[in-house]
Amino acid sequence: MSERTAPVEPVALPQTTADLHVFVQRLTSAQRDGRACVVCGADGFPLRPVGDLLGHQVAECHFHAWERANADNPPTWLTGPCPPWCADEHHAIDLPGDRLHGSPCLTVELRTMDYLNLGSPERPEFRPREMLMDLVQGYREIEPRICLNDNTDTFEVYLTLTEAERVSAHLSALVAQARDAPPAPQ
């Protein structure tokens, strides 16, 4: 990924077919092939495909995708664009408890834990338990938290970013100790 280029002031979108051809000619090569936002030229940010523009597959940054997606029925409770990591779709009818930004979920299979039967007693389907991790931020919260849980929904822990850094450091230290430990006598 290239170094991030901040969005610049968006250009005026074309109103006529002639304006459209002039608009496409003024785009950079990165904008014409979907590597930079077609509206503002930002690159290095998450981009979402917009579609075909006179034979060019163009994309837009999350700021402009948010503006376009919410132009007809904006979530009035959302006062600005989502954080770059947010993968949720927001709507005007979202209930207060659903007004969250959420990242895609990361998973780790826990193969030494008891496997789960996701099938039936007659037709068992055993799968490993999974640790799930994602970012969650309420729309009025100042920073995200990291949510840890498993695929059985038996526990759920929310960590501040500072707490998560401390847990990460402790886990890394434990792994380093275990990897550097002499082999157990046999």
C-alpha atoms as a PDB file:
ATOM      1  CA  MET A   1       0.000   0.000   0.000  1.00  0.00           C
ATOM      2  CA  SER A   2       1.333   3.421  -0.810  1.00  0.00           C
ATOM      3  CA  GLU A   3       1.892   6.138   1.737  1.00  0.00           C
ATOM      4  CA  ARG A   4      -1.451   7.646   2.695  1.00  0.00           C
ATOM      5  CA  THR A   5      -2.428  10.787   0.881  1.00  0.00           C
ATOM      6  CA  ALA A   6      -4.994  12.840   2.724  1.00  0.00           C
ATOM      7  CA  PRO A   7      -8.203  13.693   0.903  1.00  0.00           C
ATOM      8  CA  VAL A   8      -8.176  17.041  -0.836  1.00  0.00           C
ATOM      9  CA  GLU A   9     -11.122  19.332  -1.507  1.00  0.00           C
ATOM     10  CA  PRO A  10     -13.503  17.332  -3.720  1.00  0.00           C
ATOM     11  CA  VAL A  11     -13.920  18.374  -7.333  1.00  0.00           C
ATOM     12  CA  ALA A  12     -17.293  19.367  -8.743  1.00  0.00           C
ATOM     13  CA  LEU A  13     -18.998  16.376 -10.305  1.00  0.00           C
ATOM     14  CA  PRO A  14     -19.986  16.675 -13.986  1.00  0.00           C
ATOM     15  CA  GLN A  15     -23.501  17.695 -15.001  1.00  0.00           C
ATOM     16  CA  THR A  16     -23.442  16.912 -18.759  1.00  0.00           C
ATOM     17  CA  THR A  17     -21.916  14.209 -20.989  1.00  0.00           C
ATOM     18  CA  ALA A  18     -19.337  16.691 -22.299  1.00  0.00           C
ATOM     19  CA  ASP A  19     -18.432  17.594 -18.725  1.00  0.00           C
ATOM     20  CA  LEU A  20     -18.107  13.877 -17.941  1.00  0.00           C
ATOM     21  CA  HIS A  21     -15.423  13.395 -20.633  1.00  0.00           C
ATOM     22  CA  VAL A  22     -13.512  16.440 -19.347  1.00  0.00           C
ATOM     23  CA  PHE A  23     -13.882  15.116 -15.780  1.00  0.00           C
ATOM     24  CA  VAL A  24     -12.400  11.709 -16.740  1.00  0.00           C
ATOM     25  CA  GLN A  25      -9.491  13.360 -18.605  1.00  0.00           C
ATOM     26  CA  ARG A  26      -8.615  15.342 -15.478  1.00  0.00           C
ATOM     27  CA  LEU A  27      -8.467  12.245 -13.255  1.00  0.00           C
ATOM     28  CA  THR A  28      -5.067  10.859 -12.312  1.00  0.00           C
ATOM     29  CA  SER A  29      -4.161   7.362 -13.493  1.00  0.00           C
ATOM     30  CA  ALA A  30      -4.664   6.160  -9.897  1.00  0.00           C
ATOM     31  CA  GLN A  31      -8.199   7.593  -9.888  1.00  0.00           C
ATOM     32  CA  ARG A  32      -9.000   6.076 -13.296  1.00  0.00           C
ATOM     33  CA  ASP A  33      -7.994   2.556 -12.230  1.00  0.00           C
ATOM     34  CA  GLY A  34      -9.536   2.580  -8.749  1.00  0.00           C
ATOM     35  CA  ARG A  35      -6.367   3.060  -6.674  1.00  0.00           C
ATOM     36  CA  ALA A  36      -7.441   6.527  -5.469  1.00  0.00           C
ATOM     37  CA  CYS A  37     -10.776   8.145  -4.671  1.00  0.00           C
ATOM     38  CA  VAL A  38     -12.479   9.357  -7.837  1.00  0.00           C
ATOM     39  CA  VAL A  39     -13.859  12.383  -5.972  1.00  0.00           C
ATOM     40  CA  CYS A  40     -10.937  13.659  -3.868  1.00  0.00           C
ATOM     41  CA  GLY A  41      -7.873  11.678  -5.017  1.00  0.00           C
ATOM     42  CA  ALA A  42      -7.083  10.168  -1.597  1.00  0.00           C
ATOM     43  CA  ASP A  43      -5.135   6.901  -1.703  1.00  0.00           C
ATOM     44  CA  GLY A  44      -3.909   4.532   0.985  1.00  0.00           C
ATOM     45  CA  PHE A  45      -7.320   4.660   2.675  1.00  0.00           C
ATOM     46  CA  PRO A  46      -9.991   1.971   2.378  1.00  0.00           C
ATOM     47  CA  LEU A  47     -11.600   2.359  -1.054  1.00  0.00           C
ATOM     48  CA  ARG A  48     -14.973   1.025  -2.175  1.00  0.00           C
ATOM     49  CA  PRO A  49     -15.682   0.276  -5.856  1.00  0.00           C
ATOM     50  CA  VAL A  50     -18.209   2.678  -7.393  1.00  0.00           C
ATOM     51  CA  GLY A  51     -18.499   1.128 -10.846  1.00  0.00           C
ATOM     52  CA  ASP A  52     -17.683   1.892 -14.454  1.00  0.00           C
ATOM     53  CA  LEU A  53     -17.059   5.480 -15.558  1.00  0.00           C
ATOM     54  CA  LEU A  54     -16.519   5.625 -19.342  1.00  0.00           C
ATOM     55  CA  GLY A  55     -14.614   2.333 -19.269  1.00  0.00           C
ATOM     56  CA  HIS A  56     -12.696   3.008 -16.065  1.00  0.00           C
ATOM     57  CA  GLN A  57     -13.352   1.049 -12.860  1.00  0.00           C
ATOM     58  CA  VAL A  58     -13.401   3.813 -10.255  1.00  0.00           C
ATOM     59  CA  ALA A  59     -13.542   3.740  -6.456  1.00  0.00           C
ATOM     60  CA  GLU A  60     -14.222   6.196  -3.664  1.00  0.00           C
ATOM     61  CA  CYS A  61     -12.792   6.699  -0.183  1.00  0.00           C
ATOM     62  CA  HIS A  62     -14.876   5.846   2.866  1.00  0.00           C
ATOM     63  CA  PHE A  63     -15.646   9.538   3.434  1.00  0.00           C
ATOM     64  CA  HIS A  64     -17.343   9.926   0.057  1.00  0.00           C
ATOM     65  CA  ALA A  65     -18.890   6.442   0.163  1.00  0.00           C
ATOM     66  CA  TRP A  66     -20.492   7.442   3.467  1.00  0.00           C
ATOM     67  CA  GLU A  67     -21.792  10.718   2.023  1.00  0.00           C
ATOM     68  CA  ARG A  68     -23.242   9.007  -1.069  1.00  0.00           C
ATOM     69  CA  ALA A  69     -24.756   6.054   0.808  1.00  0.00           C
ATOM     70  CA  ASN A  70     -26.508   8.294   3.296  1.00  0.00           C
ATOM     71  CA  ALA A  71     -27.646  11.070   0.966  1.00  0.00           C
ATOM     72  CA  ASP A  72     -31.231   9.753   0.682  1.00  0.00           C
ATOM     73  CA  ASN A  73     -31.820   8.451   4.220  1.00  0.00           C
ATOM     74  CA  PRO A  74     -28.974   9.623   6.440  1.00  0.00           C
ATOM     75  CA  PRO A  75     -28.557   8.329   9.952  1.00  0.00           C
ATOM     76  CA  THR A  76     -29.137  11.665  11.647  1.00  0.00           C
ATOM     77  CA  TRP A  77     -27.531  10.365  14.829  1.00  0.00           C
ATOM     78  CA  LEU A  78     -24.213   9.902  12.977  1.00  0.00           C
ATOM     79  CA  THR A  79     -22.502  13.285  12.920  1.00  0.00           C
ATOM     80  CA  GLY A  80     -19.525  12.403  10.684  1.00  0.00           C
ATOM     81  CA  PRO A  81     -17.981   9.631   8.639  1.00  0.00           C
ATOM     82  CA  CYS A  82     -17.195   6.282  10.222  1.00  0.00           C
ATOM     83  CA  PRO A  83     -13.680   5.459  11.390  1.00  0.00           C
ATOM     84  CA  PRO A  84     -11.672   3.883   8.534  1.00  0.00           C
ATOM     85  CA  TRP A  85     -11.914   0.425  10.143  1.00  0.00           C
ATOM     86  CA  CYS A  86     -15.740   0.443  10.478  1.00  0.00           C
ATOM     87  CA  ALA A  87     -17.436  -2.253   8.397  1.00  0.00           C
ATOM     88  CA  ASP A  88     -20.991  -1.637   9.626  1.00  0.00           C
ATOM     89  CA  GLU A  89     -23.853  -0.196   7.605  1.00  0.00           C
ATOM     90  CA  HIS A  90     -25.654   2.563   9.499  1.00  0.00           C
ATOM     91  CA  HIS A  91     -29.249   3.652   8.963  1.00  0.00           C
ATOM     92  CA  ALA A  92     -31.568   6.368  10.223  1.00  0.00           C
ATOM     93  CA  ILE A  93     -33.734   3.747  11.958  1.00  0.00           C
ATOM     94  CA  ASP A  94     -30.882   2.236  14.023  1.00  0.00           C
ATOM     95  CA  LEU A  95     -31.920   1.907  17.662  1.00  0.00           C
ATOM     96  CA  PRO A  96     -29.669   3.584  20.265  1.00  0.00           C
ATOM     97  CA  GLY A  97     -28.142   0.236  21.278  1.00  0.00           C
ATOM     98  CA  ASP A  98     -27.207  -0.479  17.651  1.00  0.00           C
ATOM     99  CA  ARG A  99     -25.452   2.817  17.028  1.00  0.00           C
ATOM    100  CA  LEU A 100     -21.986   1.313  16.992  1.00  0.00           C
ATOM    101  CA  HIS A 101     -18.973   1.231  14.715  1.00  0.00           C
ATOM    102  CA  GLY A 102     -17.626  -2.300  14.325  1.00  0.00           C
ATOM    103  CA  SER A 103     -14.602  -3.726  12.560  1.00  0.00           C
ATOM    104  CA  PRO A 104     -14.413  -7.040  10.749  1.00  0.00           C
ATOM    105  CA  CYS A 105     -13.939  -9.856  13.252  1.00  0.00           C
ATOM    106  CA  LEU A 106     -10.568 -11.607  13.574  1.00  0.00           C
ATOM    107  CA  THR A 107     -10.569 -15.242  14.690  1.00  0.00           C
ATOM    108  CA  VAL A 108      -8.096 -17.760  16.088  1.00  0.00           C
ATOM    109  CA  GLU A 109      -8.997 -21.451  16.300  1.00  0.00           C
ATOM    110  CA  LEU A 110      -8.289 -22.850  19.772  1.00  0.00           C
ATOM    111  CA  ARG A 111      -7.342 -26.422  18.861  1.00  0.00           C
ATOM    112  CA  THR A 112      -6.410 -27.563  22.383  1.00  0.00           C
ATOM    113  CA  MET A 113      -9.874 -26.709  23.774  1.00  0.00           C
ATOM    114  CA  ASP A 114     -12.790 -29.136  23.643  1.00  0.00           C
ATOM    115  CA  TYR A 115     -14.323 -29.115  20.172  1.00  0.00           C
ATOM    116  CA  LEU A 116     -17.906 -27.932  19.776  1.00  0.00           C
ATOM    117  CA  ASN A 117     -20.658 -30.026  18.229  1.00  0.00           C
ATOM    118  CA  LEU A 118     -22.309 -27.632  15.804  1.00  0.00           C
ATOM    119  CA  GLY A 119     -24.460 -30.423  14.397  1.00  0.00           C
ATOM    120  CA  SER A 120     -26.967 -32.642  16.147  1.00  0.00           C
ATOM    121  CA  PRO A 121     -26.473 -35.688  18.409  1.00  0.00           C
ATOM    122  CA  GLU A 122     -27.432 -37.899  15.446  1.00  0.00           C
ATOM    123  CA  ARG A 123     -25.193 -36.101  12.946  1.00  0.00           C
ATOM    124  CA  PRO A 124     -22.389 -34.443  14.905  1.00  0.00           C
ATOM    125  CA  GLU A 125     -20.222 -31.767  13.314  1.00  0.00           C
ATOM    126  CA  PHE A 126     -17.272 -31.045  15.555  1.00  0.00           C
ATOM    127  CA  ARG A 127     -15.449 -27.748  15.114  1.00  0.00           C
ATOM    128  CA  PRO A 128     -12.758 -26.070  17.173  1.00  0.00           C
ATOM    129  CA  ARG A 129     -13.704 -23.318  19.571  1.00  0.00           C
ATOM    130  CA  GLU A 130     -12.681 -19.900  18.226  1.00  0.00           C
ATOM    131  CA  MET A 131     -11.441 -16.758  19.932  1.00  0.00           C
ATOM    132  CA  LEU A 132     -13.075 -13.713  18.315  1.00  0.00           C
ATOM    133  CA  MET A 133     -11.624 -10.192  18.375  1.00  0.00           C
ATOM    134  CA  ASP A 134     -12.971  -6.958  16.926  1.00  0.00           C
ATOM    135  CA  LEU A 135     -13.060  -3.209  17.422  1.00  0.00           C
ATOM    136  CA  VAL A 136     -16.269  -1.661  18.761  1.00  0.00           C
ATOM    137  CA  GLN A 137     -16.992   2.008  19.310  1.00  0.00           C
ATOM    138  CA  GLY A 138     -20.238   3.643  20.335  1.00  0.00           C
ATOM    139  CA  TYR A 139     -21.079   6.659  18.221  1.00  0.00           C
ATOM    140  CA  ARG A 140     -20.550   8.967  21.219  1.00  0.00           C
ATOM    141  CA  GLU A 141     -17.413   7.261  22.534  1.00  0.00           C
ATOM    142  CA  ILE A 142     -14.024   8.910  22.151  1.00  0.00           C
ATOM    143  CA  GLU A 143     -12.087   5.764  21.144  1.00  0.00           C
ATOM    144  CA  PRO A 144     -12.787   2.161  20.230  1.00  0.00           C
ATOM    145  CA  ARG A 145     -12.524  -0.806  22.560  1.00  0.00           C
ATOM    146  CA  ILE A 146     -11.360  -4.287  21.674  1.00  0.00           C
ATOM    147  CA  CYS A 147     -13.977  -6.954  22.241  1.00  0.00           C
ATOM    148  CA  LEU A 148     -12.795 -10.490  23.013  1.00  0.00           C
ATOM    149  CA  ASN A 149     -15.230 -13.398  23.059  1.00  0.00           C
ATOM    150  CA  ASP A 150     -15.635 -16.890  21.682  1.00  0.00           C
ATOM    151  CA  ASN A 151     -17.984 -18.596  19.275  1.00  0.00           C
ATOM    152  CA  THR A 152     -20.042 -20.039  22.143  1.00  0.00           C
ATOM    153  CA  ASP A 153     -20.942 -16.590  23.517  1.00  0.00           C
ATOM    154  CA  THR A 154     -20.019 -17.801  27.005  1.00  0.00           C
ATOM    155  CA  PHE A 155     -17.876 -14.755  27.755  1.00  0.00           C
ATOM    156  CA  GLU A 156     -17.286 -11.252  26.487  1.00  0.00           C
ATOM    157  CA  VAL A 157     -14.529  -8.860  27.542  1.00  0.00           C
ATOM    158  CA  TYR A 158     -14.047  -5.249  26.409  1.00  0.00           C
ATOM    159  CA  LEU A 159     -10.566  -3.739  26.647  1.00  0.00           C
ATOM    160  CA  THR A 160      -9.506  -0.133  26.248  1.00  0.00           C
ATOM    161  CA  LEU A 161      -6.659   0.342  23.791  1.00  0.00           C
ATOM    162  CA  THR A 162      -4.245   0.817  26.698  1.00  0.00           C
ATOM    163  CA  GLU A 163      -5.471  -2.369  28.389  1.00  0.00           C
ATOM    164  CA  ALA A 164      -5.176  -4.270  25.099  1.00  0.00           C
ATOM    165  CA  GLU A 165      -1.583  -3.065  24.675  1.00  0.00           C
ATOM    166  CA  ARG A 166      -0.760  -4.329  28.188  1.00  0.00           C
ATOM    167  CA  VAL A 167      -2.413  -7.704  27.525  1.00  0.00           C
ATOM    168  CA  SER A 168      -0.552  -7.943  24.205  1.00  0.00           C
ATOM    169  CA  ALA A 169       2.772  -7.217  25.931  1.00  0.00           C
ATOM    170  CA  HIS A 170       2.067  -9.845  28.611  1.00  0.00           C
ATOM    171  CA  LEU A 171       1.108 -12.453  25.994  1.00  0.00           C
ATOM    172  CA  SER A 172       4.238 -11.674  23.956  1.00  0.00           C
ATOM    173  CA  ALA A 173       6.389 -12.000  27.095  1.00  0.00           C
ATOM    174  CA  LEU A 174       4.821 -15.364  27.956  1.00  0.00           C
ATOM    175  CA  VAL A 175       5.325 -16.666  24.410  1.00  0.00           C
ATOM    176  CA  ALA A 176       8.953 -15.490  24.464  1.00  0.00           C
ATOM    177  CA  GLN A 177       9.535 -17.236  27.824  1.00  0.00           C
ATOM    178  CA  ALA A 178       8.013 -20.469  26.547  1.00  0.00           C
ATOM    179  CA  ARG A 179       9.986 -20.395  23.282  1.00  0.00           C
ATOM    180  CA  ASP A 180      13.263 -19.663  25.104  1.00  0.00           C
ATOM    181  CA  ALA A 181      12.710 -22.269  27.830  1.00  0.00           C
ATOM    182  CA  PRO A 182      14.962 -25.326  27.769  1.00  0.00           C
ATOM    183  CA  PRO A 183      13.264 -28.559  26.670  1.00  0.00           C
ATOM    184  CA  ALA A 184      11.489 -30.490  29.412  1.00  0.00           C
ATOM    185  CA  PRO A 185      13.397 -33.515  30.733  1.00  0.00           C
ATOM    186  CA  GLN A 186      12.160 -36.837  29.441  1.00  0.00           C
END
